[in-house]
PDB file of N, CA and C in Angstrom:
ATOM      1  N   UNK A   1      42.457  -1.153-100.113  1.00  0.00           N
ATOM      2  CA  UNK A   1      41.058  -1.326-100.844  1.00  0.00           C
ATOM      3  C   UNK A   1      40.193  -0.449-100.592  1.00  0.00           C
ATOM      4  N   UNK A   2      41.207  -0.191 -99.200  1.00  0.00           N
ATOM      5  CA  UNK A   2      40.446   1.562 -98.994  1.00  0.00           C
ATOM      6  C   UNK A   2      40.097   2.632-100.139  1.00  0.00           C
ATOM      7  N   UNK A   3      41.937   2.895-100.733  1.00  0.00           N
ATOM      8  CA  UNK A   3      42.363   3.209-101.798  1.00  0.00           C
ATOM      9  C   UNK A   3      41.331   3.543-103.198  1.00  0.00           C
ATOM     10  N   UNK A   4      40.960   2.175-103.684  1.00  0.00           N
ATOM     11  CA  UNK A   4      40.176   1.658-104.268  1.00  0.00           C
ATOM     12  C   UNK A   4      39.019   2.562-103.978  1.00  0.00           C
ATOM     13  N   UNK A   5      38.509   3.099-102.923  1.00  0.00           N
ATOM     14  CA  UNK A   5      37.309   3.266-103.119  1.00  0.00           C
ATOM     15  C   UNK A   5      36.902   4.743-102.651  1.00  0.00           C
ATOM     16  N   UNK A   6      38.301   5.131-102.526  1.00  0.00           N
ATOM     17  CA  UNK A   6      37.742   6.537-102.346  1.00  0.00           C
ATOM     18  C   UNK A   6      38.113   7.183-103.945  1.00  0.00           C
ATOM     19  N   UNK A   7      39.142   6.089-104.716  1.00  0.00           N
ATOM     20  CA  UNK A   7      38.915   6.164-106.023  1.00  0.00           C
ATOM     21  C   UNK A   7      37.903   6.401-107.256  1.00  0.00           C
ATOM     22  N   UNK A   8      37.063   5.222-106.441  1.00  0.00           N
ATOM     23  CA  UNK A   8      35.695   5.163-107.504  1.00  0.00           C
ATOM     24  C   UNK A   8      34.742   6.547-106.306  1.00  0.00           C
ATOM     25  N   UNK A   9      35.135   7.344-105.635  1.00  0.00           N
ATOM     26  CA  UNK A   9      33.928   7.571-104.480  1.00  0.00           C
ATOM     27  C   UNK A   9      33.838   9.333-105.284  1.00  0.00           C
ATOM     28  N   UNK A  10      35.393   9.021-105.808  1.00  0.00           N
ATOM     29  CA  UNK A  10      35.810  10.330-106.781  1.00  0.00           C
ATOM     30  C   UNK A  10      35.172  10.116-108.153  1.00  0.00           C
ATOM     31  N   UNK A  11      35.755   8.999-109.163  1.00  0.00           N
ATOM     32  CA  UNK A  11      35.547   9.149-110.412  1.00  0.00           C
ATOM     33  C   UNK A  11      33.757   9.761-110.437  1.00  0.00           C
ATOM     34  N   UNK A  12      32.739   8.954-109.398  1.00  0.00           N
ATOM     35  CA  UNK A  12      31.536   8.803-109.076  1.00  0.00           C
ATOM     36  C   UNK A  12      31.062  10.530-109.363  1.00  0.00           C
ATOM     37  N   UNK A  13      32.033  11.163-108.428  1.00  0.00           N
ATOM     38  CA  UNK A  13      31.820  12.921-107.901  1.00  0.00           C
ATOM     39  C   UNK A  13      32.161  13.304-109.366  1.00  0.00           C
ATOM     40  N   UNK A  14      32.876  13.557-109.682  1.00  0.00           N
ATOM     41  CA  UNK A  14      33.688  13.959-111.359  1.00  0.00           C
ATOM     42  C   UNK A  14      32.155  13.717-112.320  1.00  0.00           C
ATOM     43  N   UNK A  15      32.446  12.707-112.708  1.00  0.00           N
ATOM     44  CA  UNK A  15      31.395  12.241-113.132  1.00  0.00           C
ATOM     45  C   UNK A  15      30.280  13.360-113.490  1.00  0.00           C
ATOM     46  N   UNK A  16      29.538  13.086-112.328  1.00  0.00           N
ATOM     47  CA  UNK A  16      28.460  13.988-112.067  1.00  0.00           C
ATOM     48  C   UNK A  16      28.478  15.983-112.589  1.00  0.00           C
ATOM     49  N   UNK A  17      29.176  16.244-111.943  1.00  0.00           N
ATOM     50  CA  UNK A  17      30.065  17.494-112.186  1.00  0.00           C
ATOM     51  C   UNK A  17      30.404  17.129-113.708  1.00  0.00           C
ATOM     52  N   UNK A  18      30.643  16.857-113.841  1.00  0.00           N
ATOM     53  CA  UNK A  18      30.678  16.618-115.867  1.00  0.00           C
ATOM     54  C   UNK A  18      29.801  16.664-116.696  1.00  0.00           C
ATOM     55  N   UNK A  19      28.680  16.689-116.032  1.00  0.00           N
ATOM     56  CA  UNK A  19      27.702  15.840-116.310  1.00  0.00           C
ATOM     57  C   UNK A  19      26.614  17.676-115.990  1.00  0.00           C
ATOM     58  N   UNK A  20      27.559  18.419-115.227  1.00  0.00           N
ATOM     59  CA  UNK A  20      25.846  19.667-114.809  1.00  0.00           C
ATOM     60  C   UNK A  20      25.913  20.087-116.451  1.00  0.00           C
ATOM     61  N   UNK A  21      24.700  20.789-117.340  1.00  0.00           N
ATOM     62  CA  UNK A  21      24.962  20.912-118.179  1.00  0.00           C
ATOM     63  C   UNK A  21      23.628  22.267-117.705  1.00  0.00           C
ATOM     64  N   UNK A  22      23.515  23.650-118.489  1.00  0.00           N
ATOM     65  CA  UNK A  22      22.763  24.455-117.748  1.00  0.00           C
ATOM     66  C   UNK A  22      21.652  23.949-118.884  1.00  0.00           C
ATOM     67  N   UNK A  23      20.922  22.832-118.591  1.00  0.00           N
ATOM     68  CA  UNK A  23      19.342  22.403-119.066  1.00  0.00           C
ATOM     69  C   UNK A  23      17.982  21.496-117.541  1.00  0.00           C
ATOM     70  N   UNK A  24      17.724  22.688-118.033  1.00  0.00           N
ATOM     71  CA  UNK A  24      16.534  22.553-116.916  1.00  0.00           C
ATOM     72  C   UNK A  24      16.107  22.171-116.532  1.00  0.00           C
ATOM     73  N   UNK A  25      15.377  21.297-114.656  1.00  0.00           N
ATOM     74  CA  UNK A  25      14.986  20.433-115.043  1.00  0.00           C
ATOM     75  C   UNK A  25      12.917  20.768-114.233  1.00  0.00           C
ATOM     76  N   UNK A  26      12.907  21.591-115.507  1.00  0.00           N
ATOM     77  CA  UNK A  26      11.291  21.824-115.746  1.00  0.00           C
ATOM     78  C   UNK A  26      10.112  21.028-116.065  1.00  0.00           C
ATOM     79  N   UNK A  27       8.747  22.074-115.278  1.00  0.00           N
ATOM     80  CA  UNK A  27       7.891  20.470-114.771  1.00  0.00           C
ATOM     81  C   UNK A  27       6.810  21.535-114.974  1.00  0.00           C
ATOM     82  N   UNK A  28       5.771  21.516-116.080  1.00  0.00           N
ATOM     83  CA  UNK A  28       4.862  21.913-115.810  1.00  0.00           C
ATOM     84  C   UNK A  28       4.051  21.330-114.845  1.00  0.00           C
ATOM     85  N   UNK A  29       2.795  22.780-114.028  1.00  0.00           N
ATOM     86  CA  UNK A  29       2.344  21.887-113.392  1.00  0.00           C
ATOM     87  C   UNK A  29       1.142  22.868-113.197  1.00  0.00           C
ATOM     88  N   UNK A  30      -0.146  22.788-112.098  1.00  0.00           N
ATOM     89  CA  UNK A  30      -1.378  23.200-112.031  1.00  0.00           C
ATOM     90  C   UNK A  30      -1.329  24.941-111.744  1.00  0.00           C
ATOM     91  N   UNK A  31      -0.502  25.143-111.118  1.00  0.00           N
ATOM     92  CA  UNK A  31       0.045  26.834-110.749  1.00  0.00           C
ATOM     93  C   UNK A  31       0.933  26.719-110.118  1.00  0.00           C
ATOM     94  N   UNK A  32       2.223  26.947-111.535  1.00  0.00           N
ATOM     95  CA  UNK A  32       2.518  27.299-112.730  1.00  0.00           C
ATOM     96  C   UNK A  32       3.782  26.059-112.358  1.00  0.00           C
ATOM     97  N   UNK A  33       4.698  26.524-112.875  1.00  0.00           N
ATOM     98  CA  UNK A  33       5.564  25.967-112.976  1.00  0.00           C
ATOM     99  C   UNK A  33       6.697  25.294-111.695  1.00  0.00           C
ATOM    100  N   UNK A  34       7.225  24.320-111.342  1.00  0.00           N
ATOM    101  CA  UNK A  34       7.540  23.573-110.145  1.00  0.00           C
ATOM    102  C   UNK A  34       9.162  22.772-111.131  1.00  0.00           C
ATOM    103  N   UNK A  35      10.211  23.347-109.974  1.00  0.00           N
ATOM    104  CA  UNK A  35      12.176  22.243-110.433  1.00  0.00           C
ATOM    105  C   UNK A  35      11.839  21.679-109.490  1.00  0.00           C
ATOM    106  N   UNK A  36      12.450  20.388-110.511  1.00  0.00           N
ATOM    107  CA  UNK A  36      13.661  18.925-109.499  1.00  0.00           C
ATOM    108  C   UNK A  36      13.739  18.722-110.367  1.00  0.00           C
ATOM    109  N   UNK A  37      14.741  17.707-109.984  1.00  0.00           N
ATOM    110  CA  UNK A  37      16.112  17.346-110.183  1.00  0.00           C
ATOM    111  C   UNK A  37      16.672  17.051-111.395  1.00  0.00           C
ATOM    112  N   UNK A  38      17.659  17.051-111.561  1.00  0.00           N
ATOM    113  CA  UNK A  38      17.437  16.240-113.373  1.00  0.00           C
ATOM    114  C   UNK A  38      17.987  15.239-113.078  1.00  0.00           C
ATOM    115  N   UNK A  39      17.138  14.152-114.256  1.00  0.00           N
ATOM    116  CA  UNK A  39      17.936  13.254-113.676  1.00  0.00           C
ATOM    117  C   UNK A  39      19.158  12.483-114.087  1.00  0.00           C
ATOM    118  N   UNK A  40      20.337  12.268-114.579  1.00  0.00           N
ATOM    119  CA  UNK A  40      21.649  12.106-114.961  1.00  0.00           C
ATOM    120  C   UNK A  40      22.612  12.823-113.516  1.00  0.00           C
ATOM    121  N   UNK A  41      21.508  13.713-112.850  1.00  0.00           N
ATOM    122  CA  UNK A  41      22.021  14.516-111.661  1.00  0.00           C
ATOM    123  C   UNK A  41      21.641  13.124-110.022  1.00  0.00           C
ATOM    124  N   UNK A  42      20.449  13.147-110.305  1.00  0.00           N
ATOM    125  CA  UNK A  42      19.831  11.495-109.807  1.00  0.00           C
ATOM    126  C   UNK A  42      20.696  10.187-109.762  1.00  0.00           C
ATOM    127  N   UNK A  43      20.381  10.021-110.798  1.00  0.00           N
ATOM    128  CA  UNK A  43      21.165   8.674-111.498  1.00  0.00           C
ATOM    129  C   UNK A  43      21.900   8.683-110.532  1.00  0.00           C
ATOM    130  N   UNK A  44      23.206   9.359-110.469  1.00  0.00           N
ATOM    131  CA  UNK A  44      24.871   9.663-109.758  1.00  0.00           C
ATOM    132  C   UNK A  44      24.449  10.266-108.951  1.00  0.00           C
ATOM    133  N   UNK A  45      24.095  10.617-108.046  1.00  0.00           N
ATOM    134  CA  UNK A  45      23.638  10.255-106.950  1.00  0.00           C
ATOM    135  C   UNK A  45      23.099   8.686-105.860  1.00  0.00           C
ATOM    136  N   UNK A  46      22.852   8.131-106.724  1.00  0.00           N
ATOM    137  CA  UNK A  46      22.197   6.950-106.376  1.00  0.00           C
ATOM    138  C   UNK A  46      23.493   5.879-106.829  1.00  0.00           C
ATOM    139  N   UNK A  47      24.124   6.577-107.870  1.00  0.00           N
ATOM    140  CA  UNK A  47      25.443   5.317-107.468  1.00  0.00           C
ATOM    141  C   UNK A  47      25.695   5.794-106.992  1.00  0.00           C
ATOM    142  N   UNK A  48      26.258   6.559-106.283  1.00  0.00           N
ATOM    143  CA  UNK A  48      26.716   7.399-105.378  1.00  0.00           C
ATOM    144  C   UNK A  48      26.814   7.182-104.150  1.00  0.00           C
ATOM    145  N   UNK A  49      25.657   6.376-103.617  1.00  0.00           N
ATOM    146  CA  UNK A  49      24.879   6.088-102.704  1.00  0.00           C
ATOM    147  C   UNK A  49      25.171   4.900-102.592  1.00  0.00           C
ATOM    148  N   UNK A  50      25.125   4.178-103.140  1.00  0.00           N
ATOM    149  CA  UNK A  50      25.439   2.583-103.339  1.00  0.00           C
ATOM    150  C   UNK A  50      27.081   2.410-103.130  1.00  0.00           C
ATOM    151  N   UNK A  51      28.123   3.311-102.938  1.00  0.00           N
ATOM    152  CA  UNK A  51      29.278   3.027-102.540  1.00  0.00           C
ATOM    153  C   UNK A  51      30.090   3.038-101.192  1.00  0.00           C
ATOM    154  N   UNK A  52      28.488   3.992-100.527  1.00  0.00           N
ATOM    155  CA  UNK A  52      28.550   4.128 -99.034  1.00  0.00           C
ATOM    156  C   UNK A  52      27.885   2.823 -98.306  1.00  0.00           C
ATOM    157  N   UNK A  53      28.467   3.214 -96.953  1.00  0.00           N
ATOM    158  CA  UNK A  53      27.867   2.052 -96.065  1.00  0.00           C
ATOM    159  C   UNK A  53      26.868   3.392 -95.541  1.00  0.00           C
ATOM    160  N   UNK A  54      25.814   3.159 -95.057  1.00  0.00           N
ATOM    161  CA  UNK A  54      24.997   4.049 -94.239  1.00  0.00           C
ATOM    162  C   UNK A  54      24.090   3.063 -93.608  1.00  0.00           C
ATOM    163  N   UNK A  55      25.229   3.290 -92.341  1.00  0.00           N
ATOM    164  CA  UNK A  55      24.317   1.869 -91.427  1.00  0.00           C
ATOM    165  C   UNK A  55      23.635   1.759 -90.440  1.00  0.00           C
ATOM    166  N   UNK A  56      22.575   3.984 -90.472  1.00  0.00           N
ATOM    167  CA  UNK A  56      21.358   3.788 -89.660  1.00  0.00           C
ATOM    168  C   UNK A  56      21.057   4.862 -90.935  1.00  0.00           C
ATOM    169  N   UNK A  57      20.614   4.354 -91.695  1.00  0.00           N
ATOM    170  CA  UNK A  57      19.808   4.607 -92.797  1.00  0.00           C
ATOM    171  C   UNK A  57      19.657   6.597 -93.070  1.00  0.00           C
ATOM    172  N   UNK A  58      20.600   7.567 -92.565  1.00  0.00           N
ATOM    173  CA  UNK A  58      20.482   8.695 -93.225  1.00  0.00           C
ATOM    174  C   UNK A  58      20.353   9.043 -95.129  1.00  0.00           C
ATOM    175  N   UNK A  59      20.637   8.350 -95.218  1.00  0.00           N
ATOM    176  CA  UNK A  59      20.811   9.342 -97.158  1.00  0.00           C
ATOM    177  C   UNK A  59      18.962   7.466 -97.213  1.00  0.00           C
ATOM    178  N   UNK A  60      18.479   6.837 -96.264  1.00  0.00           N
ATOM    179  CA  UNK A  60      17.057   6.867 -97.107  1.00  0.00           C
ATOM    180  C   UNK A  60      16.234   6.783 -97.921  1.00  0.00           C
ATOM    181  N   UNK A  61      16.014   8.677 -98.104  1.00  0.00           N
ATOM    182  CA  UNK A  61      15.099   9.011 -98.912  1.00  0.00           C
ATOM    183  C   UNK A  61      15.696   8.994-100.238  1.00  0.00           C
ATOM    184  N   UNK A  62      16.892   8.149-100.252  1.00  0.00           N
ATOM    185  CA  UNK A  62      17.516   8.650-101.662  1.00  0.00           C
ATOM    186  C   UNK A  62      17.072   7.594-102.645  1.00  0.00           C
ATOM    187  N   UNK A  63      17.090   7.573-104.002  1.00  0.00           N
ATOM    188  CA  UNK A  63      16.076   6.225-104.272  1.00  0.00           C
ATOM    189  C   UNK A  63      15.721   6.215-105.908  1.00  0.00           C
ATOM    190  N   UNK A  64      14.993   5.146-106.268  1.00  0.00           N
ATOM    191  CA  UNK A  64      15.137   5.515-107.857  1.00  0.00           C
ATOM    192  C   UNK A  64      13.771   4.739-107.783  1.00  0.00           C
ATOM    193  N   UNK A  65      12.683   4.714-106.792  1.00  0.00           N
ATOM    194  CA  UNK A  65      11.351   4.111-106.885  1.00  0.00           C
ATOM    195  C   UNK A  65      10.467   5.861-107.003  1.00  0.00           C
ATOM    196  N   UNK A  66       9.176   5.673-107.406  1.00  0.00           N
ATOM    197  CA  UNK A  66       9.009   6.668-108.515  1.00  0.00           C
ATOM    198  C   UNK A  66       8.506   7.939-106.425  1.00  0.00           C
ATOM    199  N   UNK A  67       8.515   7.113-105.776  1.00  0.00           N
ATOM    200  CA  UNK A  67       8.147   8.353-104.191  1.00  0.00           C
ATOM    201  C   UNK A  67       9.344   8.754-104.514  1.00  0.00           C
ATOM    202  N   UNK A  68      10.023   8.310-104.544  1.00  0.00           N
ATOM    203  CA  UNK A  68      11.619   9.330-104.532  1.00  0.00           C
ATOM    204  C   UNK A  68      12.157  10.149-105.437  1.00  0.00           C
ATOM    205  N   UNK A  69      12.001   9.770-106.829  1.00  0.00           N
ATOM    206  CA  UNK A  69      12.323  10.310-107.753  1.00  0.00           C
ATOM    207  C   UNK A  69      12.476  11.708-108.353  1.00  0.00           C
ATOM    208  N   UNK A  70      11.450  12.899-107.644  1.00  0.00           N
ATOM    209  CA  UNK A  70      12.952  14.380-107.170  1.00  0.00           C
ATOM    210  C   UNK A  70      13.888  14.146-105.828  1.00  0.00           C
ATOM    211  N   UNK A  71      15.268  14.060-106.583  1.00  0.00           N
ATOM    212  CA  UNK A  71      16.565  13.891-105.529  1.00  0.00           C
ATOM    213  C   UNK A  71      16.483  15.332-104.388  1.00  0.00           C
ATOM    214  N   UNK A  72      16.060  16.204-105.249  1.00  0.00           N
ATOM    215  CA  UNK A  72      15.700  17.807-104.673  1.00  0.00           C
ATOM    216  C   UNK A  72      15.421  18.105-103.094  1.00  0.00           C
ATOM    217  N   UNK A  73      14.765  16.907-103.085  1.00  0.00           N
ATOM    218  CA  UNK A  73      13.914  16.932-101.844  1.00  0.00           C
ATOM    219  C   UNK A  73      14.899  15.648-100.554  1.00  0.00           C
ATOM    220  N   UNK A  74      15.311  14.864-100.838  1.00  0.00           N
ATOM    221  CA  UNK A  74      16.495  14.036-100.527  1.00  0.00           C
ATOM    222  C   UNK A  74      17.363  14.854 -99.024  1.00  0.00           C
ATOM    223  N   UNK A  75      17.390  13.732 -98.202  1.00  0.00           N
ATOM    224  CA  UNK A  75      17.856  14.212 -97.194  1.00  0.00           C
ATOM    225  C   UNK A  75      19.324  15.146 -97.509  1.00  0.00           C
ATOM    226  N   UNK A  76      20.424  15.890 -97.029  1.00  0.00           N
ATOM    227  CA  UNK A  76      21.188  16.167 -97.391  1.00  0.00           C
ATOM    228  C   UNK A  76      21.479  16.407 -98.351  1.00  0.00           C
ATOM    229  N   UNK A  77      20.416  16.821 -99.585  1.00  0.00           N
ATOM    230  CA  UNK A  77      20.140  16.995-100.642  1.00  0.00           C
ATOM    231  C   UNK A  77      20.098  18.528-101.283  1.00  0.00           C
ATOM    232  N   UNK A  78      20.880  19.598-101.508  1.00  0.00           N
ATOM    233  CA  UNK A  78      20.052  20.876-102.215  1.00  0.00           C
ATOM    234  C   UNK A  78      20.451  21.676-103.839  1.00  0.00           C
ATOM    235  N   UNK A  79      19.514  22.106-103.928  1.00  0.00           N
ATOM    236  CA  UNK A  79      19.437  22.264-105.722  1.00  0.00           C
ATOM    237  C   UNK A  79      19.522  23.785-105.614  1.00  0.00           C
ATOM    238  N   UNK A  80      19.563  24.036-106.950  1.00  0.00           N
ATOM    239  CA  UNK A  80      19.301  25.398-107.654  1.00  0.00           C
ATOM    240  C   UNK A  80      17.631  25.554-107.782  1.00  0.00           C
ATOM    241  N   UNK A  81      16.480  26.462-107.149  1.00  0.00           N
ATOM    242  CA  UNK A  81      15.713  26.696-107.342  1.00  0.00           C
ATOM    243  C   UNK A  81      15.352  27.412-108.735  1.00  0.00           C
ATOM    244  N   UNK A  82      16.509  28.024-109.398  1.00  0.00           N
ATOM    245  CA  UNK A  82      16.000  27.419-111.466  1.00  0.00           C
ATOM    246  C   UNK A  82      16.030  27.027-111.840  1.00  0.00           C
ATOM    247  N   UNK A  83      17.104  26.046-111.996  1.00  0.00           N
ATOM    248  CA  UNK A  83      17.370  24.879-112.499  1.00  0.00           C
ATOM    249  C   UNK A  83      17.251  23.544-112.881  1.00  0.00           C
ATOM    250  N   UNK A  84      17.239  23.741-111.168  1.00  0.00           N
ATOM    251  CA  UNK A  84      17.573  21.722-110.565  1.00  0.00           C
ATOM    252  C   UNK A  84      18.790  21.336-110.498  1.00  0.00           C
ATOM    253  N   UNK A  85      19.308  22.153-110.974  1.00  0.00           N
ATOM    254  CA  UNK A  85      20.616  21.098-110.907  1.00  0.00           C
ATOM    255  C   UNK A  85      20.854  21.040-108.818  1.00  0.00           C
ATOM    256  N   UNK A  86      21.252  19.599-109.033  1.00  0.00           N
ATOM    257  CA  UNK A  86      22.207  19.712-108.213  1.00  0.00           C
ATOM    258  C   UNK A  86      23.402  20.641-107.336  1.00  0.00           C
ATOM    259  N   UNK A  87      23.701  21.424-106.264  1.00  0.00           N
ATOM    260  CA  UNK A  87      24.562  21.925-106.081  1.00  0.00           C
ATOM    261  C   UNK A  87      24.919  22.102-104.027  1.00  0.00           C
ATOM    262  N   UNK A  88      25.012  21.212-103.314  1.00  0.00           N
ATOM    263  CA  UNK A  88      25.018  20.855-102.774  1.00  0.00           C
ATOM    264  C   UNK A  88      24.828  19.298-101.606  1.00  0.00           C
ATOM    265  N   UNK A  89      25.825  18.767-100.839  1.00  0.00           N
ATOM    266  CA  UNK A  89      25.539  17.439-100.692  1.00  0.00           C
ATOM    267  C   UNK A  89      26.294  17.412 -99.007  1.00  0.00           C
ATOM    268  N   UNK A  90      24.948  17.088 -98.681  1.00  0.00           N
ATOM    269  CA  UNK A  90      25.275  17.300 -96.877  1.00  0.00           C
ATOM    270  C   UNK A  90      25.823  16.049 -96.731  1.00  0.00           C
ATOM    271  N   UNK A  91      25.939  15.337 -96.692  1.00  0.00           N
ATOM    272  CA  UNK A  91      26.600  14.096 -95.077  1.00  0.00           C
ATOM    273  C   UNK A  91      26.885  13.586 -94.540  1.00  0.00           C
ATOM    274  N   UNK A  92      27.243  14.676 -93.288  1.00  0.00           N
ATOM    275  CA  UNK A  92      27.143  14.589 -91.945  1.00  0.00           C
ATOM    276  C   UNK A  92      25.681  13.843 -91.086  1.00  0.00           C
ATOM    277  N   UNK A  93      25.961  13.316 -90.567  1.00  0.00           N
ATOM    278  CA  UNK A  93      24.910  12.539 -89.834  1.00  0.00           C
ATOM    279  C   UNK A  93      25.130  12.872 -88.378  1.00  0.00           C
ATOM    280  N   UNK A  94      23.317  13.766 -88.358  1.00  0.00           N
ATOM    281  CA  UNK A  94      23.459  14.524 -87.443  1.00  0.00           C
ATOM    282  C   UNK A  94      23.893  13.862 -86.202  1.00  0.00           C
ATOM    283  N   UNK A  95      22.707  12.874 -86.363  1.00  0.00           N
ATOM    284  CA  UNK A  95      21.956  12.188 -84.813  1.00  0.00           C
ATOM    285  C   UNK A  95      21.846  10.588 -85.016  1.00  0.00           C
ATOM    286  N   UNK A  96      21.775   9.849 -83.535  1.00  0.00           N
ATOM    287  CA  UNK A  96      22.258   8.839 -83.822  1.00  0.00           C
ATOM    288  C   UNK A  96      21.373   7.758 -82.341  1.00  0.00           C
ATOM    289  N   UNK A  97      20.966   6.712 -83.044  1.00  0.00           N
ATOM    290  CA  UNK A  97      20.329   6.012 -82.398  1.00  0.00           C
ATOM    291  C   UNK A  97      21.528   6.314 -81.223  1.00  0.00           C
ATOM    292  N   UNK A  98      22.364   5.343 -81.481  1.00  0.00           N
ATOM    293  CA  UNK A  98      23.582   4.934 -80.019  1.00  0.00           C
ATOM    294  C   UNK A  98      24.756   5.503 -80.435  1.00  0.00           C
ATOM    295  N   UNK A  99      24.625   7.085 -79.499  1.00  0.00           N
ATOM    296  CA  UNK A  99      26.486   8.200 -79.457  1.00  0.00           C
ATOM    297  C   UNK A  99      27.713   7.021 -79.352  1.00  0.00           C
ATOM    298  N   UNK A 100      27.656   5.713 -78.504  1.00  0.00           N
ATOM    299  CA  UNK A 100      29.027   5.470 -78.763  1.00  0.00           C
ATOM    300  C   UNK A 100      29.148   3.922 -79.052  1.00  0.00           C
ATOM    301  N   UNK A 101      27.551   4.527 -80.739  1.00  0.00           N
ATOM    302  CA  UNK A 101      27.363   3.126 -81.855  1.00  0.00           C
ATOM    303  C   UNK A 101      28.058   3.708 -82.690  1.00  0.00           C
ATOM    304  N   UNK A 102      28.635   4.516 -83.251  1.00  0.00           N
ATOM    305  CA  UNK A 102      28.852   6.556 -83.950  1.00  0.00           C
ATOM    306  C   UNK A 102      29.512   5.961 -84.808  1.00  0.00           C
ATOM    307  N   UNK A 103      28.956   5.429 -85.682  1.00  0.00           N
ATOM    308  CA  UNK A 103      29.999   5.504 -87.260  1.00  0.00           C
ATOM    309  C   UNK A 103      29.953   6.168 -88.894  1.00  0.00           C
ATOM    310  N   UNK A 104      30.219   7.335 -89.118  1.00  0.00           N
ATOM    311  CA  UNK A 104      30.650   7.685 -89.803  1.00  0.00           C
ATOM    312  C   UNK A 104      30.276   6.687 -91.104  1.00  0.00           C
ATOM    313  N   UNK A 105      29.363   7.755 -92.732  1.00  0.00           N
ATOM    314  CA  UNK A 105      29.361   7.429 -93.284  1.00  0.00           C
ATOM    315  C   UNK A 105      30.620   7.037 -93.987  1.00  0.00           C
ATOM    316  N   UNK A 106      31.114   5.667 -94.039  1.00  0.00           N
ATOM    317  CA  UNK A 106      32.431   5.627 -95.438  1.00  0.00           C
ATOM    318  C   UNK A 106      32.352   6.289 -96.298  1.00  0.00           C
ATOM    319  N   UNK A 107      33.575   6.756 -96.861  1.00  0.00           N
ATOM    320  CA  UNK A 107      33.572   7.607 -97.789  1.00  0.00           C
ATOM    321  C   UNK A 107      33.519   8.413 -98.328  1.00  0.00           C
ATOM    322  N   UNK A 108      32.531   9.307 -97.051  1.00  0.00           N
ATOM    323  CA  UNK A 108      32.385  10.217 -97.295  1.00  0.00           C
ATOM    324  C   UNK A 108      33.063  11.742 -97.096  1.00  0.00           C
ATOM    325  N   UNK A 109      34.019  11.444 -96.126  1.00  0.00           N
ATOM    326  CA  UNK A 109      36.329  11.935 -96.254  1.00  0.00           C
ATOM    327  C   UNK A 109      36.051  12.489 -98.211  1.00  0.00           C
ATOM    328  N   UNK A 110      35.561  11.635 -98.890  1.00  0.00           N
ATOM    329  CA  UNK A 110      36.438  12.555-100.066  1.00  0.00           C
ATOM    330  C   UNK A 110      35.244  13.150-100.183  1.00  0.00           C
ATOM    331  N   UNK A 111      34.521  13.236-100.004  1.00  0.00           N
ATOM    332  CA  UNK A 111      33.425  14.480-100.200  1.00  0.00           C
ATOM    333  C   UNK A 111      34.058  16.146 -99.537  1.00  0.00           C
TER     334      UNK A 111
END
């Protein structure tokens, strides 16, 4: 079963990488232009999150709600400032409420 989960995570990441195209996530703003994450990449990250156990809420900023729509602002996600493409995933849990009760994100080893 553990192997199957790893395969599913690898599949989601592969799909994410295959869908990265030079499509700018351009949004016009009042004082110029802002770049936001690309919707299909946000959707892939939300699907990827569903495959993980996040006991400490490290990925609580990730979601499909309106206030969480810009995945470039999510904790652990980095984006290209010009294109809006996701270029970095940092799933390391850096602080926990109880150090003795630490559990890393399961499945993150695939990344």
